[in-house]
Amino acid sequence: MRLAKLCVLSLALLGTSASGEDTDDEVTPLFGSDALLDVTIDGPVREVARRAESSDEVRPATLTAAGESHPIEMSARGISRRRKDKCSFPPLRIGFPDKPDATSLFRKQKRIKLVTHCNDNARFEQIVLREYAAYRLYNILTPESFKVRLARVTYRDGGKDVATRIGFFIEDGDDAAKRVGLKEVDTGNVRVAALNREDGARYSLFQYMIGNTDWAMDAGPDPADCCHNSRLFGEAKDAAANLTPVPYDFDNAGLVDAPYAVPSEKLRIPNVRYRIYRGYCAFNEALPAQLENYRNARGEIEAELGRIPGLETRSIQSMRQYIAGFFEDIGDSDRIAKKLTGACL
């Protein structure tokens, strides 16, 4: 089963499907470039923001980018960032009621997530860029991850500019799975044994590296809908084994260090900068190989932080220093035994 998955993944990376067909178009155009995208969203932005805590009502608007203009359906999304005591501006879900044509940058997009600035100041723009960086770091470690596209978004309401701030789009789950030759699995809570051990170990180490505890790779708040801040990829939509957990939503991570982020009281840790390993003991056998992969990727991980457009020097230094603590942990056998294999669930 593992060998079959690796063959499918290798073919996808080469731009070829398991049937031998060309798959170059499986990376949707929006995520085919890393260039900063200028976007304008024109619609009832203020009302969506004002009512975000209690309403995810869809409102009509217009999105303009790359010389194109599209009617869209705009709504607030998420949970914590919709609360007024945390954010004055919510993350958005953008829907395309009319299918973009074959030449459009938004070809194949139906509904897409937009991560926004939370509050309208430079500090929160850095928070957006730090979360964007977290996605980029996982892209380095595996293609079984969500691509992101950075955007400078101008929000307009009633013919007047409301704000211009950095945000980013997140690749749709089905598109990400298709890109690597897999399917997004539609399932409820799953057994740990159903997860691929190598992928689970890599996922758990990443969350430890960035100091994130706001996730679950096998269960969600609703038992019928797995998982919490994760998606599962497999060889079929109804796959029940060899599942790959794929993480998203990193604003509660210590690496991001959002001012509103707090850890769960159940974890009994002082703040989100404090690392705690939440990987399963079933992954311990796969950890040594994954630890070596992380060590080998350190240079690229550190370099990537310096390539994020708009990320301030102090943010880069802070993030590199935080990640250095992770590499200190995984460079010492006693720390590995104490903080990882000996602390597994």
Foldseek 3Di string as FASTA:
>chain_A
DVVVLVVQLVQLVVQAGPVGDGNPCLQQLLLPDQDAWEKEKEEAQQVQLVCQQPDFDWDWIWMDTPNDIAIWTKGFDDHPLSDPVFFSGGKIKIAGPDADDPPDSCHPDGIWTKFDQRYADPVSLLLQLLQLLLQVLVVLLDLLEKGKYKYFYFYHYPNHTDHTGIMMIIDDPQSSLVSSNWGFAQFFFADPQQEALLLLLLVQLSCLLQLHDQWDQGHPPDRGGDDGQWTWIHRDNHRRHHIHIYGHDCSLTLLSPRVPHADDVVVVDDGSLDGAGAGALVNVVNNVVSLVSCVVCLVVSLVSLVVRPPNDPVSSVVNNVSSVVSNVQSVDPVSCCVRPNVRYD
